[in-house]
Amino acid sequence: MEYKKAPQEKSKFNSEEVTAIIKEIAESTIQDSEYSHSKVPQWNKTIIESCLKRLKEKNKNYKYVVTCVIMQNNGAGFYAGSSVYWDNMNDGSASYRHETRSVYAVINAFGLSI
C-alpha cells in the first residue's frame, strides 16, 4: 500500500514578514554594542543560523539562503549587489540594514519555492 503525503499549503514569500524576522534577530544579537572584531564571527553565525531556523519553522515550502555582512561603521564605503533568476510569482527576497554608532550589518534572505 502506498501513502501519499498531504499537500502542504503553499504560501507566497512575504518579504515584509521576513524583514521583520531579520530585524528582530539582528537587533537582539548586536543590540547597541560597540564594534569588536572578536565578536563579529559569533554575531554573524547567530544571525544566520537564527534566521534560517525561524524561516524554516515559518514555511517549509522554501529553500532559504541567508547572507550577513558585519563591518565597523567608520565611514568607509560599501556596495553590494545581487541578481537572481527565479519564479517571480513564488520566490522572493528581503533585506535589513542594522546600524549603530560603530557597527554596520546588512542581512539578506532569499526564499526559493520548492
PDB file of N, CA and C in Angstrom:
ATOM      1  N   MET A   1       0.844  -1.178   0.000  1.00  0.00           N
ATOM      2  CA  MET A   1       0.000   0.000   0.000  1.00  0.00           C
ATOM      3  C   MET A   1       0.888   1.241   0.000  1.00  0.00           C
ATOM      4  N   GLU A   2       0.564   2.187  -0.845  1.00  0.00           N
ATOM      5  CA  GLU A   2       1.364   3.389  -0.978  1.00  0.00           C
ATOM      6  C   GLU A   2       0.618   4.571  -0.366  1.00  0.00           C
ATOM      7  N   TYR A   3       1.329   5.327   0.457  1.00  0.00           N
ATOM      8  CA  TYR A   3       0.740   6.507   1.094  1.00  0.00           C
ATOM      9  C   TYR A   3       1.271   7.760   0.425  1.00  0.00           C
ATOM     10  N   LYS A   4       0.370   8.688   0.236  1.00  0.00           N
ATOM     11  CA  LYS A   4       0.770   9.970  -0.326  1.00  0.00           C
ATOM     12  C   LYS A   4       0.755  11.008   0.777  1.00  0.00           C
ATOM     13  N   LYS A   5       1.735  11.886   0.717  1.00  0.00           N
ATOM     14  CA  LYS A   5       1.775  12.979   1.682  1.00  0.00           C
ATOM     15  C   LYS A   5       0.658  13.964   1.367  1.00  0.00           C
ATOM     16  N   ALA A   6       0.048  14.463   2.421  1.00  0.00           N
ATOM     17  CA  ALA A   6      -0.952  15.503   2.209  1.00  0.00           C
ATOM     18  C   ALA A   6      -0.233  16.761   1.738  1.00  0.00           C
ATOM     19  N   PRO A   7      -0.762  17.423   0.729  1.00  0.00           N
ATOM     20  CA  PRO A   7      -0.076  18.623   0.244  1.00  0.00           C
ATOM     21  C   PRO A   7      -0.088  19.718   1.305  1.00  0.00           C
ATOM     22  N   GLN A   8       1.084  20.333   1.488  1.00  0.00           N
ATOM     23  CA  GLN A   8       1.158  21.448   2.426  1.00  0.00           C
ATOM     24  C   GLN A   8       0.657  22.696   1.719  1.00  0.00           C
ATOM     25  N   GLU A   9       0.003  23.535   2.477  1.00  0.00           N
ATOM     26  CA  GLU A   9      -0.497  24.773   1.904  1.00  0.00           C
ATOM     27  C   GLU A   9       0.688  25.634   1.486  1.00  0.00           C
ATOM     28  N   LYS A  10       0.688  26.039   0.236  1.00  0.00           N
ATOM     29  CA  LYS A  10       1.789  26.821  -0.295  1.00  0.00           C
ATOM     30  C   LYS A  10       1.432  28.298  -0.191  1.00  0.00           C
ATOM     31  N   SER A  11       2.316  29.051   0.428  1.00  0.00           N
ATOM     32  CA  SER A  11       2.065  30.478   0.539  1.00  0.00           C
ATOM     33  C   SER A  11       3.190  31.247  -0.134  1.00  0.00           C
ATOM     34  N   LYS A  12       2.852  32.400  -0.649  1.00  0.00           N
ATOM     35  CA  LYS A  12       3.806  33.252  -1.343  1.00  0.00           C
ATOM     36  C   LYS A  12       4.817  33.815  -0.348  1.00  0.00           C
ATOM     37  N   PHE A  13       6.042  34.008  -0.792  1.00  0.00           N
ATOM     38  CA  PHE A  13       7.085  34.599   0.027  1.00  0.00           C
ATOM     39  C   PHE A  13       6.636  35.994   0.455  1.00  0.00           C
ATOM     40  N   ASN A  14       6.661  36.243   1.742  1.00  0.00           N
ATOM     41  CA  ASN A  14       6.208  37.530   2.265  1.00  0.00           C
ATOM     42  C   ASN A  14       7.416  38.315   2.761  1.00  0.00           C
ATOM     43  N   SER A  15       7.891  39.245   1.940  1.00  0.00           N
ATOM     44  CA  SER A  15       9.122  39.967   2.274  1.00  0.00           C
ATOM     45  C   SER A  15       8.978  40.836   3.520  1.00  0.00           C
ATOM     46  N   GLU A  16       7.767  41.348   3.790  1.00  0.00           N
ATOM     47  CA  GLU A  16       7.575  42.173   4.993  1.00  0.00           C
ATOM     48  C   GLU A  16       7.752  41.331   6.256  1.00  0.00           C
ATOM     49  N   GLU A  17       7.181  40.132   6.266  1.00  0.00           N
ATOM     50  CA  GLU A  17       7.320  39.245   7.421  1.00  0.00           C
ATOM     51  C   GLU A  17       8.768  38.802   7.600  1.00  0.00           C
ATOM     52  N   VAL A  18       9.425  38.488   6.503  1.00  0.00           N
ATOM     53  CA  VAL A  18      10.818  38.038   6.574  1.00  0.00           C
ATOM     54  C   VAL A  18      11.710  39.180   7.056  1.00  0.00           C
ATOM     55  N   THR A  19      11.472  40.386   6.570  1.00  0.00           N
ATOM     56  CA  THR A  19      12.243  41.535   7.035  1.00  0.00           C
ATOM     57  C   THR A  19      12.068  41.739   8.534  1.00  0.00           C
ATOM     58  N   ALA A  20      10.840  41.570   9.032  1.00  0.00           N
ATOM     59  CA  ALA A  20      10.582  41.715  10.471  1.00  0.00           C
ATOM     60  C   ALA A  20      11.354  40.668  11.274  1.00  0.00           C
ATOM     61  N   ILE A  21      11.436  39.446  10.764  1.00  0.00           N
ATOM     62  CA  ILE A  21      12.194  38.389  11.436  1.00  0.00           C
ATOM     63  C   ILE A  21      13.679  38.753  11.475  1.00  0.00           C
ATOM     64  N   ILE A  22      14.214  39.166  10.329  1.00  0.00           N
ATOM     65  CA  ILE A  22      15.623  39.539  10.248  1.00  0.00           C
ATOM     66  C   ILE A  22      15.923  40.685  11.212  1.00  0.00           C
ATOM     67  N   LYS A  23      15.060  41.698  11.209  1.00  0.00           N
ATOM     68  CA  LYS A  23      15.247  42.876  12.066  1.00  0.00           C
ATOM     69  C   LYS A  23      15.287  42.475  13.535  1.00  0.00           C
ATOM     70  N   GLU A  24      14.329  41.666  13.950  1.00  0.00           N
ATOM     71  CA  GLU A  24      14.259  41.225  15.347  1.00  0.00           C
ATOM     72  C   GLU A  24      15.532  40.486  15.757  1.00  0.00           C
ATOM     73  N   ILE A  25      15.996  39.583  14.907  1.00  0.00           N
ATOM     74  CA  ILE A  25      17.180  38.792  15.223  1.00  0.00           C
ATOM     75  C   ILE A  25      18.438  39.660  15.240  1.00  0.00           C
ATOM     76  N   ALA A  26      18.594  40.532  14.254  1.00  0.00           N
ATOM     77  CA  ALA A  26      19.777  41.401  14.197  1.00  0.00           C
ATOM     78  C   ALA A  26      19.830  42.325  15.404  1.00  0.00           C
ATOM     79  N   GLU A  27      18.693  42.936  15.745  1.00  0.00           N
ATOM     80  CA  GLU A  27      18.668  43.867  16.879  1.00  0.00           C
ATOM     81  C   GLU A  27      18.919  43.157  18.200  1.00  0.00           C
ATOM     82  N   SER A  28      18.387  41.948  18.365  1.00  0.00           N
ATOM     83  CA  SER A  28      18.604  41.240  19.628  1.00  0.00           C
ATOM     84  C   SER A  28      20.019  40.667  19.726  1.00  0.00           C
ATOM     85  N   THR A  29      20.647  40.411  18.591  1.00  0.00           N
ATOM     86  CA  THR A  29      22.003  39.854  18.601  1.00  0.00           C
ATOM     87  C   THR A  29      23.049  40.945  18.819  1.00  0.00           C
ATOM     88  N   ILE A  30      22.994  41.990  18.015  1.00  0.00           N
ATOM     89  CA  ILE A  30      24.010  43.039  18.078  1.00  0.00           C
ATOM     90  C   ILE A  30      23.648  44.095  19.114  1.00  0.00           C
ATOM     91  N   GLN A  31      22.355  44.344  19.266  1.00  0.00           N
ATOM     92  CA  GLN A  31      21.841  45.381  20.159  1.00  0.00           C
ATOM     93  C   GLN A  31      22.516  46.713  19.829  1.00  0.00           C
ATOM     94  N   ASP A  32      23.030  47.412  20.822  1.00  0.00           N
ATOM     95  CA  ASP A  32      23.709  48.685  20.601  1.00  0.00           C
ATOM     96  C   ASP A  32      25.184  48.538  20.944  1.00  0.00           C
ATOM     97  N   SER A  33      25.713  47.333  20.687  1.00  0.00           N
ATOM     98  CA  SER A  33      27.092  47.018  21.057  1.00  0.00           C
ATOM     99  C   SER A  33      28.088  47.831  20.254  1.00  0.00           C
ATOM    100  N   GLU A  34      29.243  48.032  20.855  1.00  0.00           N
ATOM    101  CA  GLU A  34      30.369  48.631  20.157  1.00  0.00           C
ATOM    102  C   GLU A  34      30.982  47.563  19.259  1.00  0.00           C
ATOM    103  N   TYR A  35      31.560  47.985  18.143  1.00  0.00           N
ATOM    104  CA  TYR A  35      32.207  47.037  17.246  1.00  0.00           C
ATOM    105  C   TYR A  35      33.368  46.370  17.968  1.00  0.00           C
ATOM    106  N   SER A  36      33.417  45.050  17.848  1.00  0.00           N
ATOM    107  CA  SER A  36      34.515  44.270  18.409  1.00  0.00           C
ATOM    108  C   SER A  36      34.834  43.161  17.419  1.00  0.00           C
ATOM    109  N   HIS A  37      36.028  43.241  16.833  1.00  0.00           N
ATOM    110  CA  HIS A  37      36.425  42.266  15.816  1.00  0.00           C
ATOM    111  C   HIS A  37      36.277  40.837  16.325  1.00  0.00           C
ATOM    112  N   SER A  38      36.520  40.608  17.598  1.00  0.00           N
ATOM    113  CA  SER A  38      36.441  39.257  18.151  1.00  0.00           C
ATOM    114  C   SER A  38      34.998  38.761  18.287  1.00  0.00           C
ATOM    115  N   LYS A  39      34.024  39.668  18.353  1.00  0.00           N
ATOM    116  CA  LYS A  39      32.620  39.277  18.495  1.00  0.00           C
ATOM    117  C   LYS A  39      31.915  39.069  17.152  1.00  0.00           C
ATOM    118  N   VAL A  40      32.465  39.628  16.093  1.00  0.00           N
ATOM    119  CA  VAL A  40      31.802  39.592  14.786  1.00  0.00           C
ATOM    120  C   VAL A  40      31.519  38.171  14.293  1.00  0.00           C
ATOM    121  N   PRO A  41      32.461  37.225  14.362  1.00  0.00           N
ATOM    122  CA  PRO A  41      32.137  35.874  13.872  1.00  0.00           C
ATOM    123  C   PRO A  41      30.939  35.242  14.598  1.00  0.00           C
ATOM    124  N   GLN A  42      30.833  35.437  15.907  1.00  0.00           N
ATOM    125  CA  GLN A  42      29.703  34.872  16.648  1.00  0.00           C
ATOM    126  C   GLN A  42      28.400  35.589  16.308  1.00  0.00           C
ATOM    127  N   TRP A  43      28.438  36.911  16.192  1.00  0.00           N
ATOM    128  CA  TRP A  43      27.240  37.655  15.784  1.00  0.00           C
ATOM    129  C   TRP A  43      26.765  37.148  14.424  1.00  0.00           C
ATOM    130  N   ASN A  44      27.702  37.023  13.487  1.00  0.00           N
ATOM    131  CA  ASN A  44      27.371  36.583  12.136  1.00  0.00           C
ATOM    132  C   ASN A  44      26.725  35.208  12.164  1.00  0.00           C
ATOM    133  N   LYS A  45      27.341  34.275  12.880  1.00  0.00           N
ATOM    134  CA  LYS A  45      26.818  32.910  12.973  1.00  0.00           C
ATOM    135  C   LYS A  45      25.431  32.892  13.618  1.00  0.00           C
ATOM    136  N   THR A  46      25.257  33.637  14.695  1.00  0.00           N
ATOM    137  CA  THR A  46      23.971  33.677  15.403  1.00  0.00           C
ATOM    138  C   THR A  46      22.874  34.231  14.503  1.00  0.00           C
ATOM    139  N   ILE A  47      23.164  35.310  13.805  1.00  0.00           N
ATOM    140  CA  ILE A  47      22.163  35.930  12.928  1.00  0.00           C
ATOM    141  C   ILE A  47      21.757  34.974  11.815  1.00  0.00           C
ATOM    142  N   ILE A  48      22.727  34.394  11.131  1.00  0.00           N
ATOM    143  CA  ILE A  48      22.423  33.500  10.010  1.00  0.00           C
ATOM    144  C   ILE A  48      21.657  32.270  10.474  1.00  0.00           C
ATOM    145  N   GLU A  49      22.157  31.598  11.507  1.00  0.00           N
ATOM    146  CA  GLU A  49      21.502  30.369  11.969  1.00  0.00           C
ATOM    147  C   GLU A  49      20.115  30.636  12.540  1.00  0.00           C
ATOM    148  N   SER A  50      19.948  31.732  13.273  1.00  0.00           N
ATOM    149  CA  SER A  50      18.637  32.066  13.833  1.00  0.00           C
ATOM    150  C   SER A  50      17.638  32.404  12.738  1.00  0.00           C
ATOM    151  N   CYS A  51      18.080  33.154  11.732  1.00  0.00           N
ATOM    152  CA  CYS A  51      17.194  33.483  10.607  1.00  0.00           C
ATOM    153  C   CYS A  51      16.759  32.214   9.881  1.00  0.00           C
ATOM    154  N   LEU A  52      17.709  31.341   9.584  1.00  0.00           N
ATOM    155  CA  LEU A  52      17.363  30.101   8.878  1.00  0.00           C
ATOM    156  C   LEU A  52      16.378  29.265   9.685  1.00  0.00           C
ATOM    157  N   LYS A  53      16.616  29.152  10.981  1.00  0.00           N
ATOM    158  CA  LYS A  53      15.728  28.359  11.840  1.00  0.00           C
ATOM    159  C   LYS A  53      14.311  28.934  11.843  1.00  0.00           C
ATOM    160  N   ARG A  54      14.195  30.241  12.054  1.00  0.00           N
ATOM    161  CA  ARG A  54      12.876  30.873  12.103  1.00  0.00           C
ATOM    162  C   ARG A  54      12.159  30.795  10.763  1.00  0.00           C
ATOM    163  N   LEU A  55      12.885  31.005   9.675  1.00  0.00           N
ATOM    164  CA  LEU A  55      12.264  30.954   8.354  1.00  0.00           C
ATOM    165  C   LEU A  55      11.778  29.549   8.032  1.00  0.00           C
ATOM    166  N   LYS A  56      12.586  28.548   8.367  1.00  0.00           N
ATOM    167  CA  LYS A  56      12.196  27.159   8.109  1.00  0.00           C
ATOM    168  C   LYS A  56      10.967  26.786   8.928  1.00  0.00           C
ATOM    169  N   GLU A  57      10.901  27.262  10.178  1.00  0.00           N
ATOM    170  CA  GLU A  57       9.726  26.990  11.018  1.00  0.00           C
ATOM    171  C   GLU A  57       8.484  27.649  10.435  1.00  0.00           C
ATOM    172  N   LYS A  58       8.659  28.821   9.862  1.00  0.00           N
ATOM    173  CA  LYS A  58       7.534  29.590   9.327  1.00  0.00           C
ATOM    174  C   LYS A  58       6.960  28.957   8.059  1.00  0.00           C
ATOM    175  N   ASN A  59       7.839  28.526   7.166  1.00  0.00           N
ATOM    176  CA  ASN A  59       7.363  27.980   5.900  1.00  0.00           C
ATOM    177  C   ASN A  59       8.368  26.973   5.365  1.00  0.00           C
ATOM    178  N   LYS A  60       8.007  25.704   5.388  1.00  0.00           N
ATOM    179  CA  LYS A  60       8.900  24.635   4.936  1.00  0.00           C
ATOM    180  C   LYS A  60       8.855  24.434   3.424  1.00  0.00           C
ATOM    181  N   ASN A  61       8.049  25.205   2.714  1.00  0.00           N
ATOM    182  CA  ASN A  61       7.942  25.065   1.260  1.00  0.00           C
ATOM    183  C   ASN A  61       9.009  25.860   0.513  1.00  0.00           C
ATOM    184  N   TYR A  62      10.012  26.329   1.227  1.00  0.00           N
ATOM    185  CA  TYR A  62      11.068  27.120   0.618  1.00  0.00           C
ATOM    186  C   TYR A  62      12.428  26.591   1.013  1.00  0.00           C
ATOM    187  N   LYS A  63      13.384  26.798   0.118  1.00  0.00           N
ATOM    188  CA  LYS A  63      14.788  26.666   0.456  1.00  0.00           C
ATOM    189  C   LYS A  63      15.245  28.100   0.705  1.00  0.00           C
ATOM    190  N   TYR A  64      16.023  28.297   1.750  1.00  0.00           N
ATOM    191  CA  TYR A  64      16.434  29.644   2.125  1.00  0.00           C
ATOM    192  C   TYR A  64      17.942  29.821   2.009  1.00  0.00           C
ATOM    193  N   VAL A  65      18.327  31.023   1.627  1.00  0.00           N
ATOM    194  CA  VAL A  65      19.723  31.438   1.613  1.00  0.00           C
ATOM    195  C   VAL A  65      19.776  32.727   2.429  1.00  0.00           C
ATOM    196  N   VAL A  66      20.640  32.765   3.442  1.00  0.00           N
ATOM    197  CA  VAL A  66      20.782  33.964   4.268  1.00  0.00           C
ATOM    198  C   VAL A  66      22.242  34.390   4.237  1.00  0.00           C
ATOM    199  N   THR A  67      22.467  35.678   3.963  1.00  0.00           N
ATOM    200  CA  THR A  67      23.815  36.231   3.999  1.00  0.00           C
ATOM    201  C   THR A  67      23.854  37.350   5.025  1.00  0.00           C
ATOM    202  N   CYS A  68      25.024  37.549   5.612  1.00  0.00           N
ATOM    203  CA  CYS A  68      25.178  38.599   6.613  1.00  0.00           C
ATOM    204  C   CYS A  68      26.582  39.184   6.497  1.00  0.00           C
ATOM    205  N   VAL A  69      26.652  40.487   6.376  1.00  0.00           N
ATOM    206  CA  VAL A  69      27.925  41.200   6.357  1.00  0.00           C
ATOM    207  C   VAL A  69      27.917  42.142   7.551  1.00  0.00           C
ATOM    208  N   ILE A  70      28.942  42.031   8.386  1.00  0.00           N
ATOM    209  CA  ILE A  70      29.071  42.916   9.550  1.00  0.00           C
ATOM    210  C   ILE A  70      30.421  43.609   9.448  1.00  0.00           C
ATOM    211  N   MET A  71      30.403  44.927   9.562  1.00  0.00           N
ATOM    212  CA  MET A  71      31.658  45.668   9.500  1.00  0.00           C
ATOM    213  C   MET A  71      31.611  46.864  10.436  1.00  0.00           C
ATOM    214  N   GLN A  72      32.780  47.404  10.659  1.00  0.00           N
ATOM    215  CA  GLN A  72      32.885  48.560  11.533  1.00  0.00           C
ATOM    216  C   GLN A  72      32.323  49.773  10.808  1.00  0.00           C
ATOM    217  N   ASN A  73      31.518  50.533  11.521  1.00  0.00           N
ATOM    218  CA  ASN A  73      30.922  51.744  10.964  1.00  0.00           C
ATOM    219  C   ASN A  73      31.902  52.893  11.204  1.00  0.00           C
ATOM    220  N   ASN A  74      32.774  53.094  10.224  1.00  0.00           N
ATOM    221  CA  ASN A  74      33.789  54.145  10.379  1.00  0.00           C
ATOM    222  C   ASN A  74      33.832  55.080   9.175  1.00  0.00           C
ATOM    223  N   GLY A  75      32.759  55.082   8.398  1.00  0.00           N
ATOM    224  CA  GLY A  75      32.675  55.984   7.259  1.00  0.00           C
ATOM    225  C   GLY A  75      33.188  55.401   5.948  1.00  0.00           C
ATOM    226  N   ALA A  76      33.695  54.187   5.981  1.00  0.00           N
ATOM    227  CA  ALA A  76      34.181  53.559   4.752  1.00  0.00           C
ATOM    228  C   ALA A  76      33.004  53.230   3.845  1.00  0.00           C
ATOM    229  N   GLY A  77      33.234  53.266   2.558  1.00  0.00           N
ATOM    230  CA  GLY A  77      32.182  52.945   1.605  1.00  0.00           C
ATOM    231  C   GLY A  77      31.953  51.443   1.506  1.00  0.00           C
ATOM    232  N   PHE A  78      30.733  51.082   1.119  1.00  0.00           N
ATOM    233  CA  PHE A  78      30.398  49.673   0.945  1.00  0.00           C
ATOM    234  C   PHE A  78      29.301  49.589  -0.094  1.00  0.00           C
ATOM    235  N   TYR A  79      29.482  48.696  -1.047  1.00  0.00           N
ATOM    236  CA  TYR A  79      28.465  48.495  -2.071  1.00  0.00           C
ATOM    237  C   TYR A  79      28.332  47.003  -2.304  1.00  0.00           C
ATOM    238  N   ALA A  80      27.099  46.535  -2.395  1.00  0.00           N
ATOM    239  CA  ALA A  80      26.846  45.123  -2.674  1.00  0.00           C
ATOM    240  C   ALA A  80      25.671  45.030  -3.630  1.00  0.00           C
ATOM    241  N   GLY A  81      25.654  43.995  -4.419  1.00  0.00           N
ATOM    242  CA  GLY A  81      24.549  43.794  -5.345  1.00  0.00           C
ATOM    243  C   GLY A  81      24.276  42.307  -5.501  1.00  0.00           C
ATOM    244  N   SER A  82      23.137  41.994  -6.057  1.00  0.00           N
ATOM    245  CA  SER A  82      22.816  40.601  -6.343  1.00  0.00           C
ATOM    246  C   SER A  82      21.857  40.565  -7.522  1.00  0.00           C
ATOM    247  N   SER A  83      21.824  39.432  -8.152  1.00  0.00           N
ATOM    248  CA  SER A  83      20.920  39.227  -9.264  1.00  0.00           C
ATOM    249  C   SER A  83      20.377  37.808  -9.149  1.00  0.00           C
ATOM    250  N   VAL A  84      19.139  37.621  -9.518  1.00  0.00           N
ATOM    251  CA  VAL A  84      18.532  36.296  -9.388  1.00  0.00           C
ATOM    252  C   VAL A  84      17.770  35.945 -10.665  1.00  0.00           C
ATOM    253  N   TYR A  85      17.663  34.672 -10.884  1.00  0.00           N
ATOM    254  CA  TYR A  85      16.832  34.146 -11.964  1.00  0.00           C
ATOM    255  C   TYR A  85      15.916  33.142 -11.287  1.00  0.00           C
ATOM    256  N   TRP A  86      14.659  33.524 -11.074  1.00  0.00           N
ATOM    257  CA  TRP A  86      13.759  32.678 -10.312  1.00  0.00           C
ATOM    258  C   TRP A  86      12.321  32.889 -10.730  1.00  0.00           C
ATOM    259  N   ASP A  87      11.418  32.251 -10.010  1.00  0.00           N
ATOM    260  CA  ASP A  87       9.985  32.350 -10.255  1.00  0.00           C
ATOM    261  C   ASP A  87       9.453  33.569  -9.508  1.00  0.00           C
ATOM    262  N   ASN A  88       9.185  34.644 -10.231  1.00  0.00           N
ATOM    263  CA  ASN A  88       8.723  35.888  -9.595  1.00  0.00           C
ATOM    264  C   ASN A  88       7.394  35.745  -8.868  1.00  0.00           C
ATOM    265  N   MET A  89       6.613  34.739  -9.210  1.00  0.00           N
ATOM    266  CA  MET A  89       5.317  34.552  -8.566  1.00  0.00           C
ATOM    267  C   MET A  89       5.449  33.945  -7.166  1.00  0.00           C
ATOM    268  N   ASN A  90       6.501  33.182  -6.907  1.00  0.00           N
ATOM    269  CA  ASN A  90       6.618  32.468  -5.637  1.00  0.00           C
ATOM    270  C   ASN A  90       7.888  32.780  -4.851  1.00  0.00           C
ATOM    271  N   ASP A  91       8.998  33.012  -5.513  1.00  0.00           N
ATOM    272  CA  ASP A  91      10.259  33.256  -4.832  1.00  0.00           C
ATOM    273  C   ASP A  91      10.353  34.725  -4.420  1.00  0.00           C
ATOM    274  N   GLY A  92      11.258  35.009  -3.513  1.00  0.00           N
ATOM    275  CA  GLY A  92      11.413  36.390  -3.092  1.00  0.00           C
ATOM    276  C   GLY A  92      12.632  36.598  -2.226  1.00  0.00           C
ATOM    277  N   SER A  93      12.833  37.853  -1.849  1.00  0.00           N
ATOM    278  CA  SER A  93      13.966  38.195  -1.005  1.00  0.00           C
ATOM    279  C   SER A  93      13.580  39.323  -0.063  1.00  0.00           C
ATOM    280  N   ALA A  94      14.379  39.453   0.978  1.00  0.00           N
ATOM    281  CA  ALA A  94      14.183  40.523   1.944  1.00  0.00           C
ATOM    282  C   ALA A  94      15.552  40.911   2.478  1.00  0.00           C
ATOM    283  N   SER A  95      15.691  42.160   2.866  1.00  0.00           N
ATOM    284  CA  SER A  95      16.963  42.590   3.437  1.00  0.00           C
ATOM    285  C   SER A  95      16.713  43.590   4.553  1.00  0.00           C
ATOM    286  N   TYR A  96      17.701  43.670   5.418  1.00  0.00           N
ATOM    287  CA  TYR A  96      17.616  44.601   6.541  1.00  0.00           C
ATOM    288  C   TYR A  96      19.010  45.142   6.835  1.00  0.00           C
ATOM    289  N   ARG A  97      19.094  46.422   7.120  1.00  0.00           N
ATOM    290  CA  ARG A  97      20.355  47.061   7.488  1.00  0.00           C
ATOM    291  C   ARG A  97      20.268  47.495   8.944  1.00  0.00           C
ATOM    292  N   HIS A  98      21.153  46.969   9.761  1.00  0.00           N
ATOM    293  CA  HIS A  98      21.213  47.343  11.182  1.00  0.00           C
ATOM    294  C   HIS A  98      22.440  48.222  11.369  1.00  0.00           C
ATOM    295  N   GLU A  99      22.227  49.393  11.950  1.00  0.00           N
ATOM    296  CA  GLU A  99      23.329  50.334  12.103  1.00  0.00           C
ATOM    297  C   GLU A  99      23.346  50.904  13.513  1.00  0.00           C
ATOM    298  N   THR A 100      24.520  50.890  14.118  1.00  0.00           N
ATOM    299  CA  THR A 100      24.736  51.545  15.410  1.00  0.00           C
ATOM    300  C   THR A 100      25.862  52.560  15.195  1.00  0.00           C
ATOM    301  N   ARG A 101      26.304  53.174  16.274  1.00  0.00           N
ATOM    302  CA  ARG A 101      27.393  54.153  16.154  1.00  0.00           C
ATOM    303  C   ARG A 101      28.655  53.521  15.564  1.00  0.00           C
ATOM    304  N   SER A 102      28.893  52.239  15.875  1.00  0.00           N
ATOM    305  CA  SER A 102      30.152  51.628  15.441  1.00  0.00           C
ATOM    306  C   SER A 102      29.993  50.324  14.654  1.00  0.00           C
ATOM    307  N   VAL A 103      28.755  49.860  14.441  1.00  0.00           N
ATOM    308  CA  VAL A 103      28.530  48.599  13.731  1.00  0.00           C
ATOM    309  C   VAL A 103      27.567  48.829  12.571  1.00  0.00           C
ATOM    310  N   TYR A 104      27.874  48.171  11.466  1.00  0.00           N
ATOM    311  CA  TYR A 104      27.022  48.230  10.291  1.00  0.00           C
ATOM    312  C   TYR A 104      26.820  46.792   9.828  1.00  0.00           C
ATOM    313  N   ALA A 105      25.571  46.330   9.786  1.00  0.00           N
ATOM    314  CA  ALA A 105      25.283  44.958   9.373  1.00  0.00           C
ATOM    315  C   ALA A 105      24.227  44.968   8.273  1.00  0.00           C
ATOM    316  N   VAL A 106      24.447  44.163   7.258  1.00  0.00           N
ATOM    317  CA  VAL A 106      23.484  44.011   6.161  1.00  0.00           C
ATOM    318  C   VAL A 106      23.150  42.529   6.065  1.00  0.00           C
ATOM    319  N   ILE A 107      21.855  42.218   6.221  1.00  0.00           N
ATOM    320  CA  ILE A 107      21.402  40.832   6.186  1.00  0.00           C
ATOM    321  C   ILE A 107      20.421  40.678   5.033  1.00  0.00           C
ATOM    322  N   ASN A 108      20.633  39.651   4.220  1.00  0.00           N
ATOM    323  CA  ASN A 108      19.756  39.337   3.092  1.00  0.00           C
ATOM    324  C   ASN A 108      19.227  37.926   3.252  1.00  0.00           C
ATOM    325  N   ALA A 109      17.969  37.726   2.914  1.00  0.00           N
ATOM    326  CA  ALA A 109      17.378  36.389   2.919  1.00  0.00           C
ATOM    327  C   ALA A 109      16.671  36.173   1.587  1.00  0.00           C
ATOM    328  N   PHE A 110      16.921  35.024   0.993  1.00  0.00           N
ATOM    329  CA  PHE A 110      16.298  34.648  -0.262  1.00  0.00           C
ATOM    330  C   PHE A 110      15.477  33.401  -0.027  1.00  0.00           C
ATOM    331  N   GLY A 111      14.235  33.390  -0.496  1.00  0.00           N
ATOM    332  CA  GLY A 111      13.362  32.232  -0.381  1.00  0.00           C
ATOM    333  C   GLY A 111      13.050  31.684  -1.756  1.00  0.00           C
ATOM    334  N   LEU A 112      13.408  30.425  -1.969  1.00  0.00           N
ATOM    335  CA  LEU A 112      13.194  29.775  -3.263  1.00  0.00           C
ATOM    336  C   LEU A 112      12.192  28.647  -3.071  1.00  0.00           C
ATOM    337  N   SER A 113      11.050  28.757  -3.737  1.00  0.00           N
ATOM    338  CA  SER A 113       9.978  27.770  -3.543  1.00  0.00           C
ATOM    339  C   SER A 113      10.402  26.397  -4.050  1.00  0.00           C
ATOM    340  N   ILE A 114       9.941  25.385  -3.330  1.00  0.00           N
ATOM    341  CA  ILE A 114      10.267  24.009  -3.695  1.00  0.00           C
ATOM    342  C   ILE A 114       9.135  23.455  -4.543  1.00  0.00           C
TER     343      ILE A 114
END
